[in-house]
Every structure is written in C-alpha cells, then in structure tokens.
Amino acid sequence: MNPTRAIVIGGTSGIGLEIVRQLTDRGAKVAVVGRDFSELGEFNVIQKLHDVKDTDAIPQVFLDLTDQLGGLDLFVYSAGVMPLMQPSEFDTPKDLEIISVNVSGAVAWMNQAASRFYGAQHGCLIAIGSVAGDRGRAGQPVYNASKAFVHTYTESLRNRLARRGVSVITVKPGPTRTRMTAYHDQSKMMDPAVAASKVLRLIGRQGEFYLNPVHALVGFVFRHIPGWLMRRIRI
C-alpha cells in the first residue's frame, strides 16, 4: 500500500514530524495536526492547530481535513505526553493530562478514522504505543497504563477492521530522541527519522510491532516476569 492522503496527529515533533517529512518526500498529500508548528518548517502540508484534549471538536476537524485531502488512506496517531515523575510523586493533574492526550484524544481521533475506514473497506491506521505499556513499571504508572490501553484498544480495532480490509498497526518504538525524552540520557536512543522509516515500512501489515528486535525479546521476557520479582526490580 502506497498512501497518497494521510492525517498525522502529533505530526509537529518527534516521530510524527519525521513521518510527515518522509510521507511528503514520497509525494503524499498530508494533513498535520498539532499545537506547535515551529519545527515543521516549509513543508507543503495542510496544517491544523488543534489540542487533542478538545474531543468535542474532533469530528468536524476530521471531516474538514478529509475533505481537503480528497479522501484518506493513512491515519497516524503520534500525539503523546510523558511528564517527568519523581519516584515518590503522585500527581493527579499530570496523570489526567496523560490520560487526556494518550487515551481520550487517541480514542476520539482513532474512532473517526476507524469508522471511515470501516465504511470504505480501505485504509491503514497506525498508533504509536510504547514498550512502557508492556508492564506496570514503578517509574511512570499512568504513562505505562495509557500505552497499555492503546495496545489493547488498537488490537480490538484490528480484530474488528481486518475483515473489512483495513490494516491496524500498533508500534512500540522504544527509547527515541524526542522532546518527550529530553530529561533522559538520549545518547543511545533511536533517532526519530530512523523510527519513522521503520514505521512507514509497516504500512499495510496487521499487528503489533517493536521497532527494535532487542526490545521484542526483552518485552517477551518482561511480560513473563512474576509480580513478586517485578516489585524488586528498580525500573
């Protein structure tokens, strides 16, 4: 599948921005949704200033963008937040911000794409998940839970839409050099351009994919660690 019309939510930084760059290099017509276009540069794209927490506005925004694109082949949800959390911190406002962007915004936007693709019996939906969603790590409880939600939600969409000829892909990039991870050591993290290239090579497939084979192995082991041992591991 070679998409010619795409919507990228959170396409103004990180992996989303690199997906936009690479899609436009391929000649695709792209609509970019975000809150800050300062990093986007002079790309020939449709720009829509929007906060995904404003879920009431999403149906009309989605309709307007698909009309401007003249259809839709590919939908990417790359928006996400991961505020710094201290080991002893339990911050409800931060947690609710994570849920609003990573869960509520994701559902509101992906429901629109899923409904359209279901009716058209055509399209590819990609959600950027995280290896953090594989288990409930101590460091980021709500971020971990938000990504676990995305993994399960997109699996359900995949099971519903596959019979309609629609591809649903869940991506687990692993540590990537983005603004979201700026407060960590980024020296060994994946470059977002590399991550985006790997994501786009998945278009048309079905399933859940790690971008790094090592993370796939680690994830398998991680998912089978007993709870008592998880409580003793400092992660």
Protein backbone atom coordinates (compact mmCIF):
# COMPACT_ATOMS: atom_id res chain seq x y z
CA MET A 1 0.00 0.00 0.00
CA ASN A 2 1.38 3.39 -1.02
CA PRO A 3 -0.70 6.04 0.79
CA THR A 4 -1.34 9.27 -1.09
CA ARG A 5 -3.54 11.02 1.51
CA ALA A 6 -2.64 10.98 5.20
CA ILE A 7 -3.53 12.60 8.51
CA VAL A 8 -0.81 12.66 11.19
CA ILE A 9 -1.89 13.65 14.70
CA GLY A 10 1.06 14.97 16.68
CA GLY A 11 2.98 15.48 13.47
CA THR A 12 4.83 18.60 14.60
CA SER A 13 7.65 16.97 16.58
CA GLY A 14 9.44 13.70 17.20
CA ILE A 15 8.47 10.57 15.31
CA GLY A 16 5.30 12.21 13.99
CA LEU A 17 7.26 15.05 12.40
CA GLU A 18 9.65 12.60 10.73
CA ILE A 19 6.69 10.59 9.42
CA VAL A 20 5.33 13.78 7.87
CA ARG A 21 8.70 14.56 6.28
CA GLN A 22 9.05 11.12 4.78
CA LEU A 23 5.48 10.98 3.52
CA THR A 24 5.83 14.33 1.77
CA ASP A 25 9.13 13.17 0.25
CA ARG A 26 7.13 10.31 -1.27
CA GLY A 27 4.69 12.77 -2.77
CA ALA A 28 1.80 12.08 -0.40
CA LYS A 29 -0.69 14.79 0.49
CA VAL A 30 -0.54 15.19 4.27
CA ALA A 31 -2.64 16.96 6.89
CA VAL A 32 -0.71 17.69 10.08
CA VAL A 33 -2.49 18.23 13.39
CA GLY A 34 -0.65 19.71 16.37
CA ARG A 35 -0.24 22.53 18.85
CA ASP A 36 3.14 23.97 17.79
CA PHE A 37 4.26 24.18 14.18
CA SER A 38 7.62 25.83 14.86
CA GLU A 39 9.58 22.67 13.97
CA LEU A 40 7.57 21.83 10.87
CA GLY A 41 9.41 24.17 8.52
CA GLU A 42 8.24 24.89 4.99
CA PHE A 43 6.61 21.59 4.17
CA ASN A 44 3.74 21.70 1.71
CA VAL A 45 1.16 20.25 4.06
CA ILE A 46 -2.26 21.10 5.43
CA GLN A 47 -1.76 22.50 8.92
CA LYS A 48 -4.41 22.32 11.61
CA LEU A 49 -3.85 23.87 15.03
CA HIS A 50 -5.68 21.62 17.47
CA ASP A 51 -5.40 20.30 21.02
CA VAL A 52 -6.40 16.63 21.12
CA LYS A 53 -7.91 17.21 24.56
CA ASP A 54 -10.70 19.12 22.79
CA THR A 55 -12.52 15.93 21.85
CA ASP A 56 -15.79 17.71 21.02
CA ALA A 57 -14.12 19.44 18.07
CA ILE A 58 -12.60 16.28 16.57
CA PRO A 59 -15.49 15.02 14.36
CA GLN A 60 -15.72 18.33 12.47
CA VAL A 61 -11.94 18.74 12.23
CA PHE A 62 -11.62 15.21 10.88
CA LEU A 63 -14.34 15.83 8.29
CA ASP A 64 -12.76 19.11 7.19
CA LEU A 65 -9.32 17.52 6.78
CA THR A 66 -10.56 14.52 4.82
CA ASP A 67 -12.48 16.89 2.53
CA GLN A 68 -9.33 18.97 1.95
CA LEU A 69 -7.31 15.84 1.28
CA GLY A 70 -9.92 14.44 -1.07
CA GLY A 71 -10.07 11.18 0.87
CA LEU A 72 -7.93 9.25 3.32
CA ASP A 73 -5.56 6.28 3.00
CA LEU A 74 -3.43 6.55 6.13
CA PHE A 75 -4.09 7.78 9.66
CA VAL A 76 -1.32 8.08 12.27
CA TYR A 77 -1.83 8.91 15.94
CA SER A 78 1.56 10.03 17.27
CA ALA A 79 0.47 12.52 19.93
CA GLY A 80 1.61 11.72 23.45
CA VAL A 81 2.87 13.21 26.69
CA MET A 82 5.15 11.79 29.38
CA PRO A 83 5.86 14.39 32.08
CA LEU A 84 8.77 13.86 34.43
CA MET A 85 7.63 11.99 37.54
CA GLN A 86 9.72 11.56 40.66
CA PRO A 87 9.73 8.11 42.37
CA SER A 88 7.75 9.48 45.33
CA GLU A 89 5.44 11.70 43.23
CA PHE A 90 1.71 11.06 42.84
CA ASP A 91 0.45 13.99 40.79
CA THR A 92 -3.17 13.79 39.67
CA PRO A 93 -3.08 16.84 37.34
CA LYS A 94 -0.09 15.35 35.49
CA ASP A 95 -1.78 11.95 35.36
CA LEU A 96 -5.01 13.39 33.98
CA GLU A 97 -3.03 15.25 31.32
CA ILE A 98 -1.51 11.94 30.23
CA ILE A 99 -4.93 10.30 30.09
CA SER A 100 -6.43 13.21 28.16
CA VAL A 101 -3.78 13.08 25.43
CA ASN A 102 -2.67 9.44 25.34
CA VAL A 103 -6.07 7.85 25.91
CA SER A 104 -9.06 10.15 25.40
CA GLY A 105 -7.56 12.04 22.47
CA ALA A 106 -6.38 8.80 20.90
CA VAL A 107 -9.81 7.20 21.14
CA ALA A 108 -11.65 10.28 19.84
CA TRP A 109 -9.37 10.60 16.80
CA MET A 110 -8.95 6.92 16.00
CA ASN A 111 -12.68 6.29 16.25
CA GLN A 112 -13.15 8.78 13.43
CA ALA A 113 -10.54 7.09 11.26
CA ALA A 114 -11.79 3.60 12.12
CA SER A 115 -15.38 4.50 11.22
CA ARG A 116 -14.34 5.96 7.88
CA PHE A 117 -12.07 3.04 7.00
CA TYR A 118 -14.75 0.55 8.07
CA GLY A 119 -17.22 2.05 5.63
CA ALA A 120 -14.69 2.41 2.82
CA GLN A 121 -13.19 -1.06 3.39
CA HIS A 122 -9.82 0.54 2.79
CA GLY A 123 -7.09 2.26 4.78
CA CYS A 124 -4.29 1.91 7.30
CA LEU A 125 -4.41 3.11 10.90
CA ILE A 126 -1.17 3.40 12.87
CA ALA A 127 -0.93 4.12 16.60
CA ILE A 128 2.36 4.87 18.33
CA GLY A 129 2.40 2.82 21.51
CA SER A 130 5.40 2.13 23.74
CA VAL A 131 7.44 -0.66 25.28
CA ALA A 132 6.45 1.04 28.54
CA GLY A 133 2.96 -0.39 28.10
CA ASP A 134 4.17 -3.98 28.40
CA ARG A 135 4.18 -3.97 32.21
CA GLY A 136 3.31 -1.72 35.13
CA ARG A 137 6.73 -0.24 35.85
CA ALA A 138 7.22 1.78 39.03
CA GLY A 139 8.59 4.86 37.30
CA GLN A 140 5.61 6.07 35.25
CA PRO A 141 2.41 4.35 36.43
CA VAL A 142 -0.15 6.30 34.39
CA TYR A 143 2.02 6.65 31.27
CA ASN A 144 2.55 2.87 31.31
CA ALA A 145 -1.18 2.32 31.74
CA SER A 146 -2.04 4.76 28.95
CA LYS A 147 0.14 2.88 26.47
CA ALA A 148 -1.22 -0.47 27.62
CA PHE A 149 -4.66 0.94 26.88
CA VAL A 150 -3.56 1.95 23.37
CA HIS A 151 -2.19 -1.54 22.74
CA THR A 152 -5.42 -3.27 23.78
CA TYR A 153 -7.68 -0.72 22.07
CA THR A 154 -5.87 -1.00 18.74
CA GLU A 155 -5.85 -4.78 19.00
CA SER A 156 -9.63 -4.62 19.30
CA LEU A 157 -9.83 -2.27 16.31
CA ARG A 158 -7.61 -4.63 14.34
CA ASN A 159 -9.87 -7.59 15.12
CA ARG A 160 -12.90 -5.58 14.06
CA LEU A 161 -11.44 -3.94 10.93
CA ALA A 162 -9.25 -6.68 9.46
CA ARG A 163 -12.27 -8.42 7.96
CA ARG A 164 -13.08 -5.13 6.19
CA GLY A 165 -9.68 -4.99 4.51
CA VAL A 166 -8.31 -2.33 6.88
CA SER A 167 -4.80 -2.50 8.35
CA VAL A 168 -4.35 -1.56 12.03
CA ILE A 169 -0.77 -1.32 13.29
CA THR A 170 0.44 -0.82 16.86
CA VAL A 171 4.04 0.38 17.06
CA LYS A 172 6.35 0.10 20.07
CA PRO A 173 9.34 2.32 19.25
CA GLY A 174 11.36 2.04 22.44
CA PRO A 175 13.51 4.96 23.69
CA THR A 176 13.67 7.62 20.97
CA ARG A 177 15.34 11.06 20.89
CA THR A 178 12.38 13.43 21.13
CA ARG A 179 11.30 16.39 23.24
CA MET A 180 9.33 13.95 25.38
CA THR A 181 12.50 12.11 26.43
CA ALA A 182 14.71 15.21 26.75
CA TYR A 183 15.12 14.80 30.50
CA HIS A 184 16.71 11.33 30.00
CA ASP A 185 20.14 10.37 28.64
CA GLN A 186 19.45 10.29 24.88
CA SER A 187 22.89 9.14 23.75
CA LYS A 188 21.77 5.58 22.99
CA MET A 189 18.22 6.35 21.90
CA MET A 190 16.88 5.74 18.41
CA ASP A 191 16.89 8.67 16.01
CA PRO A 192 13.28 9.71 15.22
CA ALA A 193 13.99 9.65 11.47
CA VAL A 194 15.05 6.00 11.76
CA ALA A 195 11.96 5.22 13.82
CA ALA A 196 9.70 6.92 11.27
CA SER A 197 11.26 4.97 8.41
CA LYS A 198 10.66 1.71 10.25
CA VAL A 199 7.06 2.73 10.97
CA LEU A 200 6.29 3.54 7.35
CA ARG A 201 7.69 0.20 6.20
CA LEU A 202 4.91 -1.43 8.21
CA ILE A 203 2.10 0.20 6.20
CA GLY A 204 -0.42 -2.37 5.06
CA ARG A 205 0.53 -5.00 7.62
CA GLN A 206 -1.50 -6.19 10.60
CA GLY A 207 -0.30 -6.48 14.15
CA GLU A 208 1.81 -5.14 16.96
CA PHE A 209 5.45 -4.36 16.18
CA TYR A 210 8.58 -3.47 18.12
CA LEU A 211 10.94 -1.28 16.09
CA ASN A 212 14.00 -2.83 17.73
CA PRO A 213 14.31 -6.66 17.73
CA VAL A 214 16.09 -6.49 21.10
CA HIS A 215 13.02 -4.82 22.60
CA ALA A 216 10.85 -7.64 21.25
CA LEU A 217 12.97 -10.17 23.16
CA VAL A 218 13.09 -8.02 26.29
CA GLY A 219 9.35 -7.45 26.04
CA PHE A 220 8.69 -11.18 25.88
CA VAL A 221 10.79 -11.78 28.99
CA PHE A 222 9.29 -8.77 30.74
CA ARG A 223 5.74 -9.93 30.21
CA HIS A 224 6.54 -13.25 31.90
CA ILE A 225 8.37 -11.93 34.97
CA PRO A 226 6.27 -12.80 38.06
CA GLY A 227 4.82 -9.94 40.03
CA TRP A 228 6.95 -10.58 43.12
CA LEU A 229 10.11 -10.15 41.06
CA MET A 230 8.80 -7.00 39.34
CA ARG A 231 8.39 -5.45 42.78
CA ARG A 232 12.09 -5.99 43.42
CA ILE A 233 13.40 -4.65 40.07
CA ARG A 234 14.20 -0.93 40.01
CA ILE A 235 12.56 0.09 36.75
